[in-house]
């Protein structure tokens, strides 16, 4: 088990209502690739995305503290109970 957490910044996403936020974060299947890379690799990741004509968006960072923390564009915590299907349960 990996004991790290993630801070996800919601600044690049636009949500009209709490329902939209809930559906976006926990509403079902998604088909986007999420991955981690060290900050030193940022330019290489952006270059690889450009070479592949694929948009790459930085959405957060890995932290030592376990858990998922959602952060709005002003740096404030976003509270909510966002649960979706657990493939490993």
PDB file of N, CA and C in Angstrom:
ATOM      1  N   UNK A   1       0.833  -1.178   0.000  1.00  0.00           N
ATOM      2  CA  UNK A   1       0.000   0.000   0.000  1.00  0.00           C
ATOM      3  C   UNK A   1       0.877   1.240   0.000  1.00  0.00           C
ATOM      4  N   UNK A   2       0.553   2.168  -0.860  1.00  0.00           N
ATOM      5  CA  UNK A   2       1.287   3.422  -0.928  1.00  0.00           C
ATOM      6  C   UNK A   2       0.633   4.412   0.029  1.00  0.00           C
ATOM      7  N   UNK A   3       1.399   4.979   0.918  1.00  0.00           N
ATOM      8  CA  UNK A   3       0.844   5.878   1.933  1.00  0.00           C
ATOM      9  C   UNK A   3       1.166   7.323   1.585  1.00  0.00           C
ATOM     10  N   UNK A   4       0.551   7.804   0.512  1.00  0.00           N
ATOM     11  CA  UNK A   4       0.677   9.214   0.147  1.00  0.00           C
ATOM     12  C   UNK A   4      -0.722   9.759  -0.068  1.00  0.00           C
ATOM     13  N   UNK A   5      -0.840  11.035  -0.227  1.00  0.00           N
ATOM     14  CA  UNK A   5      -2.126  11.661  -0.495  1.00  0.00           C
ATOM     15  C   UNK A   5      -2.006  12.566  -1.694  1.00  0.00           C
ATOM     16  N   UNK A   6      -3.087  13.248  -2.018  1.00  0.00           N
ATOM     17  CA  UNK A   6      -3.102  14.129  -3.173  1.00  0.00           C
ATOM     18  C   UNK A   6      -3.871  15.386  -2.835  1.00  0.00           C
ATOM     19  N   UNK A   7      -3.341  16.535  -3.241  1.00  0.00           N
ATOM     20  CA  UNK A   7      -4.070  17.791  -3.204  1.00  0.00           C
ATOM     21  C   UNK A   7      -4.480  18.071  -4.642  1.00  0.00           C
ATOM     22  N   UNK A   8      -5.768  18.186  -4.915  1.00  0.00           N
ATOM     23  CA  UNK A   8      -6.254  18.459  -6.259  1.00  0.00           C
ATOM     24  C   UNK A   8      -6.822  19.862  -6.316  1.00  0.00           C
ATOM     25  N   UNK A   9      -6.313  20.679  -7.217  1.00  0.00           N
ATOM     26  CA  UNK A   9      -6.760  22.053  -7.378  1.00  0.00           C
ATOM     27  C   UNK A   9      -7.878  22.105  -8.405  1.00  0.00           C
ATOM     28  N   UNK A  10      -8.977  22.702  -8.010  1.00  0.00           N
ATOM     29  CA  UNK A  10     -10.139  22.766  -8.892  1.00  0.00           C
ATOM     30  C   UNK A  10     -10.177  24.058  -9.698  1.00  0.00           C
ATOM     31  N   UNK A  11      -9.105  24.832  -9.692  1.00  0.00           N
ATOM     32  CA  UNK A  11      -9.088  26.145 -10.324  1.00  0.00           C
ATOM     33  C   UNK A  11      -9.309  26.097 -11.825  1.00  0.00           C
ATOM     34  N   UNK A  12      -8.865  25.052 -12.498  1.00  0.00           N
ATOM     35  CA  UNK A  12      -8.989  25.008 -13.947  1.00  0.00           C
ATOM     36  C   UNK A  12     -10.332  24.470 -14.411  1.00  0.00           C
ATOM     37  N   UNK A  13     -11.166  24.053 -13.497  1.00  0.00           N
ATOM     38  CA  UNK A  13     -12.491  23.526 -13.849  1.00  0.00           C
ATOM     39  C   UNK A  13     -13.565  24.546 -13.463  1.00  0.00           C
ATOM     40  N   UNK A  14     -14.634  24.591 -14.234  1.00  0.00           N
ATOM     41  CA  UNK A  14     -15.742  25.504 -13.960  1.00  0.00           C
ATOM     42  C   UNK A  14     -16.951  24.672 -13.567  1.00  0.00           C
ATOM     43  N   UNK A  15     -17.519  24.966 -12.402  1.00  0.00           N
ATOM     44  CA  UNK A  15     -18.691  24.250 -11.908  1.00  0.00           C
ATOM     45  C   UNK A  15     -19.783  25.263 -11.619  1.00  0.00           C
ATOM     46  N   UNK A  16     -20.974  25.011 -12.173  1.00  0.00           N
ATOM     47  CA  UNK A  16     -22.081  25.933 -11.972  1.00  0.00           C
ATOM     48  C   UNK A  16     -22.783  25.714 -10.644  1.00  0.00           C
ATOM     49  N   UNK A  17     -22.844  24.468 -10.183  1.00  0.00           N
ATOM     50  CA  UNK A  17     -23.593  24.162  -8.967  1.00  0.00           C
ATOM     51  C   UNK A  17     -22.877  23.065  -8.188  1.00  0.00           C
ATOM     52  N   UNK A  18     -23.309  22.887  -6.956  1.00  0.00           N
ATOM     53  CA  UNK A  18     -22.773  21.796  -6.131  1.00  0.00           C
ATOM     54  C   UNK A  18     -23.061  20.450  -6.792  1.00  0.00           C
ATOM     55  N   UNK A  19     -24.210  20.336  -7.449  1.00  0.00           N
ATOM     56  CA  UNK A  19     -24.543  19.077  -8.136  1.00  0.00           C
ATOM     57  C   UNK A  19     -23.544  18.791  -9.243  1.00  0.00           C
ATOM     58  N   UNK A  20     -23.177  19.798 -10.006  1.00  0.00           N
ATOM     59  CA  UNK A  20     -22.198  19.614 -11.075  1.00  0.00           C
ATOM     60  C   UNK A  20     -20.863  19.161 -10.505  1.00  0.00           C
ATOM     61  N   UNK A  21     -20.471  19.746  -9.383  1.00  0.00           N
ATOM     62  CA  UNK A  21     -19.220  19.347  -8.740  1.00  0.00           C
ATOM     63  C   UNK A  21     -19.285  17.899  -8.296  1.00  0.00           C
ATOM     64  N   UNK A  22     -20.384  17.531  -7.651  1.00  0.00           N
ATOM     65  CA  UNK A  22     -20.547  16.157  -7.183  1.00  0.00           C
ATOM     66  C   UNK A  22     -20.536  15.176  -8.348  1.00  0.00           C
ATOM     67  N   UNK A  23     -21.254  15.483  -9.415  1.00  0.00           N
ATOM     68  CA  UNK A  23     -21.292  14.589 -10.570  1.00  0.00           C
ATOM     69  C   UNK A  23     -19.927  14.477 -11.238  1.00  0.00           C
ATOM     70  N   UNK A  24     -19.215  15.580 -11.289  1.00  0.00           N
ATOM     71  CA  UNK A  24     -17.886  15.557 -11.904  1.00  0.00           C
ATOM     72  C   UNK A  24     -16.912  14.711 -11.103  1.00  0.00           C
ATOM     73  N   UNK A  25     -16.963  14.848  -9.784  1.00  0.00           N
ATOM     74  CA  UNK A  25     -15.990  14.148  -8.937  1.00  0.00           C
ATOM     75  C   UNK A  25     -16.380  12.717  -8.602  1.00  0.00           C
ATOM     76  N   UNK A  26     -17.674  12.403  -8.627  1.00  0.00           N
ATOM     77  CA  UNK A  26     -18.088  11.076  -8.174  1.00  0.00           C
ATOM     78  C   UNK A  26     -19.248  10.513  -8.970  1.00  0.00           C
ATOM     79  N   UNK A  27     -19.462  10.991 -10.175  1.00  0.00           N
ATOM     80  CA  UNK A  27     -20.653  10.614 -10.912  1.00  0.00           C
ATOM     81  C   UNK A  27     -20.549   9.393 -11.790  1.00  0.00           C
ATOM     82  N   UNK A  28     -19.436   8.745 -11.840  1.00  0.00           N
ATOM     83  CA  UNK A  28     -19.375   7.547 -12.660  1.00  0.00           C
ATOM     84  C   UNK A  28     -18.056   7.391 -13.366  1.00  0.00           C
ATOM     85  N   UNK A  29     -18.103   6.650 -14.449  1.00  0.00           N
ATOM     86  CA  UNK A  29     -16.885   6.323 -15.186  1.00  0.00           C
ATOM     87  C   UNK A  29     -16.216   7.574 -15.751  1.00  0.00           C
ATOM     88  N   UNK A  30     -14.917   7.517 -15.810  1.00  0.00           N
ATOM     89  CA  UNK A  30     -14.159   8.550 -16.498  1.00  0.00           C
ATOM     90  C   UNK A  30     -13.127   7.846 -17.365  1.00  0.00           C
ATOM     91  N   UNK A  31     -12.732   8.525 -18.387  1.00  0.00           N
ATOM     92  CA  UNK A  31     -11.812   7.909 -19.340  1.00  0.00           C
ATOM     93  C   UNK A  31     -10.641   8.831 -19.650  1.00  0.00           C
ATOM     94  N   UNK A  32     -10.199   9.548 -18.657  1.00  0.00           N
ATOM     95  CA  UNK A  32      -9.025  10.394 -18.786  1.00  0.00           C
ATOM     96  C   UNK A  32      -7.862   9.680 -18.126  1.00  0.00           C
ATOM     97  N   UNK A  33      -6.690   9.933 -18.613  1.00  0.00           N
ATOM     98  CA  UNK A  33      -5.488   9.370 -18.021  1.00  0.00           C
ATOM     99  C   UNK A  33      -4.984  10.316 -16.942  1.00  0.00           C
ATOM    100  N   UNK A  34      -4.846   9.815 -15.742  1.00  0.00           N
ATOM    101  CA  UNK A  34      -4.260  10.589 -14.645  1.00  0.00           C
ATOM    102  C   UNK A  34      -2.944   9.919 -14.277  1.00  0.00           C
ATOM    103  N   UNK A  35      -1.922  10.719 -14.096  1.00  0.00           N
ATOM    104  CA  UNK A  35      -0.615  10.161 -13.765  1.00  0.00           C
ATOM    105  C   UNK A  35       0.150  11.160 -12.924  1.00  0.00           C
ATOM    106  N   UNK A  36       1.221  10.716 -12.342  1.00  0.00           N
ATOM    107  CA  UNK A  36       2.092  11.599 -11.566  1.00  0.00           C
ATOM    108  C   UNK A  36       3.443  11.709 -12.253  1.00  0.00           C
ATOM    109  N   UNK A  37       4.062  12.853 -12.041  1.00  0.00           N
ATOM    110  CA  UNK A  37       5.418  13.092 -12.530  1.00  0.00           C
ATOM    111  C   UNK A  37       6.059  14.091 -11.572  1.00  0.00           C
ATOM    112  N   UNK A  38       7.347  13.986 -11.360  1.00  0.00           N
ATOM    113  CA  UNK A  38       8.006  14.933 -10.463  1.00  0.00           C
ATOM    114  C   UNK A  38       8.023  16.333 -11.069  1.00  0.00           C
ATOM    115  N   UNK A  39       8.040  17.372 -10.226  1.00  0.00           N
ATOM    116  CA  UNK A  39       8.067  18.745 -10.745  1.00  0.00           C
ATOM    117  C   UNK A  39       9.200  18.981 -11.747  1.00  0.00           C
ATOM    118  N   UNK A  40      10.323  18.324 -11.571  1.00  0.00           N
ATOM    119  CA  UNK A  40      11.451  18.507 -12.486  1.00  0.00           C
ATOM    120  C   UNK A  40      11.139  18.012 -13.900  1.00  0.00           C
ATOM    121  N   UNK A  41      10.119  17.182 -14.045  1.00  0.00           N
ATOM    122  CA  UNK A  41       9.763  16.634 -15.361  1.00  0.00           C
ATOM    123  C   UNK A  41       8.649  17.419 -16.045  1.00  0.00           C
ATOM    124  N   UNK A  42       8.208  18.530 -15.455  1.00  0.00           N
ATOM    125  CA  UNK A  42       7.075  19.275 -16.005  1.00  0.00           C
ATOM    126  C   UNK A  42       7.271  19.657 -17.468  1.00  0.00           C
ATOM    127  N   UNK A  43       8.422  20.217 -17.805  1.00  0.00           N
ATOM    128  CA  UNK A  43       8.669  20.628 -19.190  1.00  0.00           C
ATOM    129  C   UNK A  43       8.648  19.427 -20.126  1.00  0.00           C
ATOM    130  N   UNK A  44       9.211  18.311 -19.708  1.00  0.00           N
ATOM    131  CA  UNK A  44       9.224  17.111 -20.544  1.00  0.00           C
ATOM    132  C   UNK A  44       7.815  16.570 -20.753  1.00  0.00           C
ATOM    133  N   UNK A  45       6.986  16.616 -19.706  1.00  0.00           N
ATOM    134  CA  UNK A  45       5.601  16.144 -19.834  1.00  0.00           C
ATOM    135  C   UNK A  45       4.835  17.051 -20.787  1.00  0.00           C
ATOM    136  N   UNK A  46       4.992  18.365 -20.634  1.00  0.00           N
ATOM    137  CA  UNK A  46       4.313  19.305 -21.531  1.00  0.00           C
ATOM    138  C   UNK A  46       4.768  19.104 -22.979  1.00  0.00           C
ATOM    139  N   UNK A  47       6.064  18.878 -23.167  1.00  0.00           N
ATOM    140  CA  UNK A  47       6.595  18.640 -24.509  1.00  0.00           C
ATOM    141  C   UNK A  47       6.019  17.343 -25.103  1.00  0.00           C
ATOM    142  N   UNK A  48       5.967  16.291 -24.300  1.00  0.00           N
ATOM    143  CA  UNK A  48       5.409  15.018 -24.773  1.00  0.00           C
ATOM    144  C   UNK A  48       3.946  15.189 -25.168  1.00  0.00           C
ATOM    145  N   UNK A  49       3.192  15.937 -24.378  1.00  0.00           N
ATOM    146  CA  UNK A  49       1.796  16.199 -24.712  1.00  0.00           C
ATOM    147  C   UNK A  49       1.674  16.951 -26.026  1.00  0.00           C
ATOM    148  N   UNK A  50       2.498  17.955 -26.206  1.00  0.00           N
ATOM    149  CA  UNK A  50       2.471  18.727 -27.457  1.00  0.00           C
ATOM    150  C   UNK A  50       2.843  17.846 -28.653  1.00  0.00           C
ATOM    151  N   UNK A  51       3.851  17.010 -28.483  1.00  0.00           N
ATOM    152  CA  UNK A  51       4.269  16.114 -29.567  1.00  0.00           C
ATOM    153  C   UNK A  51       3.158  15.135 -29.942  1.00  0.00           C
ATOM    154  N   UNK A  52       2.360  14.729 -28.958  1.00  0.00           N
ATOM    155  CA  UNK A  52       1.275  13.778 -29.196  1.00  0.00           C
ATOM    156  C   UNK A  52      -0.054  14.471 -29.488  1.00  0.00           C
ATOM    157  N   UNK A  53      -0.022  15.800 -29.586  1.00  0.00           N
ATOM    158  CA  UNK A  53      -1.249  16.584 -29.803  1.00  0.00           C
ATOM    159  C   UNK A  53      -2.307  16.233 -28.752  1.00  0.00           C
ATOM    160  N   UNK A  54      -1.847  16.112 -27.510  1.00  0.00           N
ATOM    161  CA  UNK A  54      -2.712  15.745 -26.394  1.00  0.00           C
ATOM    162  C   UNK A  54      -2.586  16.802 -25.305  1.00  0.00           C
ATOM    163  N   UNK A  55      -3.722  17.351 -24.896  1.00  0.00           N
ATOM    164  CA  UNK A  55      -3.708  18.353 -23.839  1.00  0.00           C
ATOM    165  C   UNK A  55      -3.328  17.699 -22.517  1.00  0.00           C
ATOM    166  N   UNK A  56      -2.393  18.290 -21.816  1.00  0.00           N
ATOM    167  CA  UNK A  56      -1.964  17.820 -20.507  1.00  0.00           C
ATOM    168  C   UNK A  56      -2.246  18.946 -19.512  1.00  0.00           C
ATOM    169  N   UNK A  57      -2.971  18.624 -18.438  1.00  0.00           N
ATOM    170  CA  UNK A  57      -3.347  19.629 -17.450  1.00  0.00           C
ATOM    171  C   UNK A  57      -2.868  19.200 -16.079  1.00  0.00           C
ATOM    172  N   UNK A  58      -2.115  20.061 -15.433  1.00  0.00           N
ATOM    173  CA  UNK A  58      -1.665  19.792 -14.063  1.00  0.00           C
ATOM    174  C   UNK A  58      -2.842  20.070 -13.141  1.00  0.00           C
ATOM    175  N   UNK A  59      -3.243  19.071 -12.353  1.00  0.00           N
ATOM    176  CA  UNK A  59      -4.411  19.239 -11.486  1.00  0.00           C
ATOM    177  C   UNK A  59      -4.091  19.123 -10.010  1.00  0.00           C
ATOM    178  N   UNK A  60      -2.879  18.812  -9.649  1.00  0.00           N
ATOM    179  CA  UNK A  60      -2.589  18.675  -8.226  1.00  0.00           C
ATOM    180  C   UNK A  60      -1.154  18.282  -7.991  1.00  0.00           C
ATOM    181  N   UNK A  61      -0.920  17.827  -6.781  1.00  0.00           N
ATOM    182  CA  UNK A  61       0.423  17.387  -6.397  1.00  0.00           C
ATOM    183  C   UNK A  61       0.308  16.282  -5.357  1.00  0.00           C
ATOM    184  N   UNK A  62       1.313  15.464  -5.286  1.00  0.00           N
ATOM    185  CA  UNK A  62       1.365  14.380  -4.302  1.00  0.00           C
ATOM    186  C   UNK A  62       1.981  14.939  -3.018  1.00  0.00           C
ATOM    187  N   UNK A  63       1.354  14.603  -1.908  1.00  0.00           N
ATOM    188  CA  UNK A  63       1.791  15.062  -0.590  1.00  0.00           C
ATOM    189  C   UNK A  63       2.062  13.853   0.294  1.00  0.00           C
ATOM    190  N   UNK A  64       2.804  14.057   1.358  1.00  0.00           N
ATOM    191  CA  UNK A  64       3.120  12.969   2.290  1.00  0.00           C
ATOM    192  C   UNK A  64       1.903  12.541   3.102  1.00  0.00           C
ATOM    193  N   UNK A  65       1.022  13.475   3.427  1.00  0.00           N
ATOM    194  CA  UNK A  65      -0.153  13.161   4.253  1.00  0.00           C
ATOM    195  C   UNK A  65      -1.171  12.370   3.440  1.00  0.00           C
ATOM    196  N   UNK A  66      -1.659  11.231   3.954  1.00  0.00           N
ATOM    197  CA  UNK A  66      -2.636  10.425   3.227  1.00  0.00           C
ATOM    198  C   UNK A  66      -3.961  11.163   3.040  1.00  0.00           C
ATOM    199  N   UNK A  67      -4.713  10.776   2.027  1.00  0.00           N
ATOM    200  CA  UNK A  67      -6.040  11.319   1.799  1.00  0.00           C
ATOM    201  C   UNK A  67      -6.107  12.221   0.584  1.00  0.00           C
ATOM    202  N   UNK A  68      -7.312  12.504   0.164  1.00  0.00           N
ATOM    203  CA  UNK A  68      -7.563  13.396  -0.962  1.00  0.00           C
ATOM    204  C   UNK A  68      -8.103  14.702  -0.417  1.00  0.00           C
ATOM    205  N   UNK A  69      -7.468  15.795  -0.791  1.00  0.00           N
ATOM    206  CA  UNK A  69      -7.904  17.123  -0.387  1.00  0.00           C
ATOM    207  C   UNK A  69      -8.198  17.920  -1.646  1.00  0.00           C
ATOM    208  N   UNK A  70      -9.395  18.481  -1.734  1.00  0.00           N
ATOM    209  CA  UNK A  70      -9.772  19.292  -2.883  1.00  0.00           C
ATOM    210  C   UNK A  70      -9.596  20.760  -2.525  1.00  0.00           C
ATOM    211  N   UNK A  71      -8.962  21.515  -3.412  1.00  0.00           N
ATOM    212  CA  UNK A  71      -8.624  22.905  -3.168  1.00  0.00           C
ATOM    213  C   UNK A  71      -9.240  23.745  -4.287  1.00  0.00           C
ATOM    214  N   UNK A  72      -9.926  24.856  -3.916  1.00  0.00           N
ATOM    215  CA  UNK A  72     -10.508  25.709  -4.958  1.00  0.00           C
ATOM    216  C   UNK A  72      -9.450  26.672  -5.497  1.00  0.00           C
ATOM    217  N   UNK A  73      -9.845  27.512  -6.437  1.00  0.00           N
ATOM    218  CA  UNK A  73      -8.908  28.427  -7.087  1.00  0.00           C
ATOM    219  C   UNK A  73      -8.282  29.443  -6.153  1.00  0.00           C
ATOM    220  N   UNK A  74      -8.918  29.700  -5.009  1.00  0.00           N
ATOM    221  CA  UNK A  74      -8.384  30.642  -4.021  1.00  0.00           C
ATOM    222  C   UNK A  74      -7.546  29.940  -2.964  1.00  0.00           C
ATOM    223  N   UNK A  75      -7.349  28.643  -3.107  1.00  0.00           N
ATOM    224  CA  UNK A  75      -6.546  27.894  -2.152  1.00  0.00           C
ATOM    225  C   UNK A  75      -7.306  27.394  -0.940  1.00  0.00           C
ATOM    226  N   UNK A  76      -8.638  27.519  -0.956  1.00  0.00           N
ATOM    227  CA  UNK A  76      -9.460  27.062   0.169  1.00  0.00           C
ATOM    228  C   UNK A  76      -9.884  25.611  -0.036  1.00  0.00           C
ATOM    229  N   UNK A  77     -10.022  24.890   1.069  1.00  0.00           N
ATOM    230  CA  UNK A  77     -10.487  23.500   1.015  1.00  0.00           C
ATOM    231  C   UNK A  77     -11.942  23.462   0.553  1.00  0.00           C
ATOM    232  N   UNK A  78     -12.268  22.479  -0.285  1.00  0.00           N
ATOM    233  CA  UNK A  78     -13.637  22.237  -0.732  1.00  0.00           C
ATOM    234  C   UNK A  78     -14.161  21.052   0.058  1.00  0.00           C
ATOM    235  N   UNK A  79     -15.208  21.288   0.822  1.00  0.00           N
ATOM    236  CA  UNK A  79     -15.782  20.246   1.664  1.00  0.00           C
ATOM    237  C   UNK A  79     -16.833  19.472   0.878  1.00  0.00           C
ATOM    238  N   UNK A  80     -16.954  18.188   1.143  1.00  0.00           N
ATOM    239  CA  UNK A  80     -17.967  17.363   0.503  1.00  0.00           C
ATOM    240  C   UNK A  80     -17.648  15.899   0.702  1.00  0.00           C
ATOM    241  N   UNK A  81     -18.641  15.093   0.473  1.00  0.00           N
ATOM    242  CA  UNK A  81     -18.489  13.646   0.574  1.00  0.00           C
ATOM    243  C   UNK A  81     -18.604  13.095  -0.835  1.00  0.00           C
ATOM    244  N   UNK A  82     -17.492  13.069  -1.549  1.00  0.00           N
ATOM    245  CA  UNK A  82     -17.475  12.665  -2.943  1.00  0.00           C
ATOM    246  C   UNK A  82     -17.034  11.211  -3.047  1.00  0.00           C
ATOM    247  N   UNK A  83     -17.986  10.303  -3.132  1.00  0.00           N
ATOM    248  CA  UNK A  83     -17.677   8.884  -3.209  1.00  0.00           C
ATOM    249  C   UNK A  83     -18.207   8.335  -4.531  1.00  0.00           C
ATOM    250  N   UNK A  84     -17.473   7.448  -5.081  1.00  0.00           N
ATOM    251  CA  UNK A  84     -17.925   6.777  -6.294  1.00  0.00           C
ATOM    252  C   UNK A  84     -17.613   5.291  -6.175  1.00  0.00           C
ATOM    253  N   UNK A  85     -17.788   4.564  -7.226  1.00  0.00           N
ATOM    254  CA  UNK A  85     -17.573   3.137  -7.235  1.00  0.00           C
ATOM    255  C   UNK A  85     -16.137   2.801  -6.874  1.00  0.00           C
ATOM    256  N   UNK A  86     -15.958   1.848  -5.974  1.00  0.00           N
ATOM    257  CA  UNK A  86     -14.633   1.399  -5.569  1.00  0.00           C
ATOM    258  C   UNK A  86     -14.355   0.066  -6.238  1.00  0.00           C
ATOM    259  N   UNK A  87     -13.501   0.067  -7.240  1.00  0.00           N
ATOM    260  CA  UNK A  87     -13.198  -1.143  -7.998  1.00  0.00           C
ATOM    261  C   UNK A  87     -12.493  -2.208  -7.155  1.00  0.00           C
ATOM    262  N   UNK A  88     -11.922  -1.804  -6.024  1.00  0.00           N
ATOM    263  CA  UNK A  88     -11.131  -2.723  -5.222  1.00  0.00           C
ATOM    264  C   UNK A  88     -11.823  -3.173  -3.954  1.00  0.00           C
ATOM    265  N   UNK A  89     -13.060  -2.765  -3.762  1.00  0.00           N
ATOM    266  CA  UNK A  89     -13.795  -3.130  -2.530  1.00  0.00           C
ATOM    267  C   UNK A  89     -14.228  -4.586  -2.584  1.00  0.00           C
TER     268      UNK A  89
END
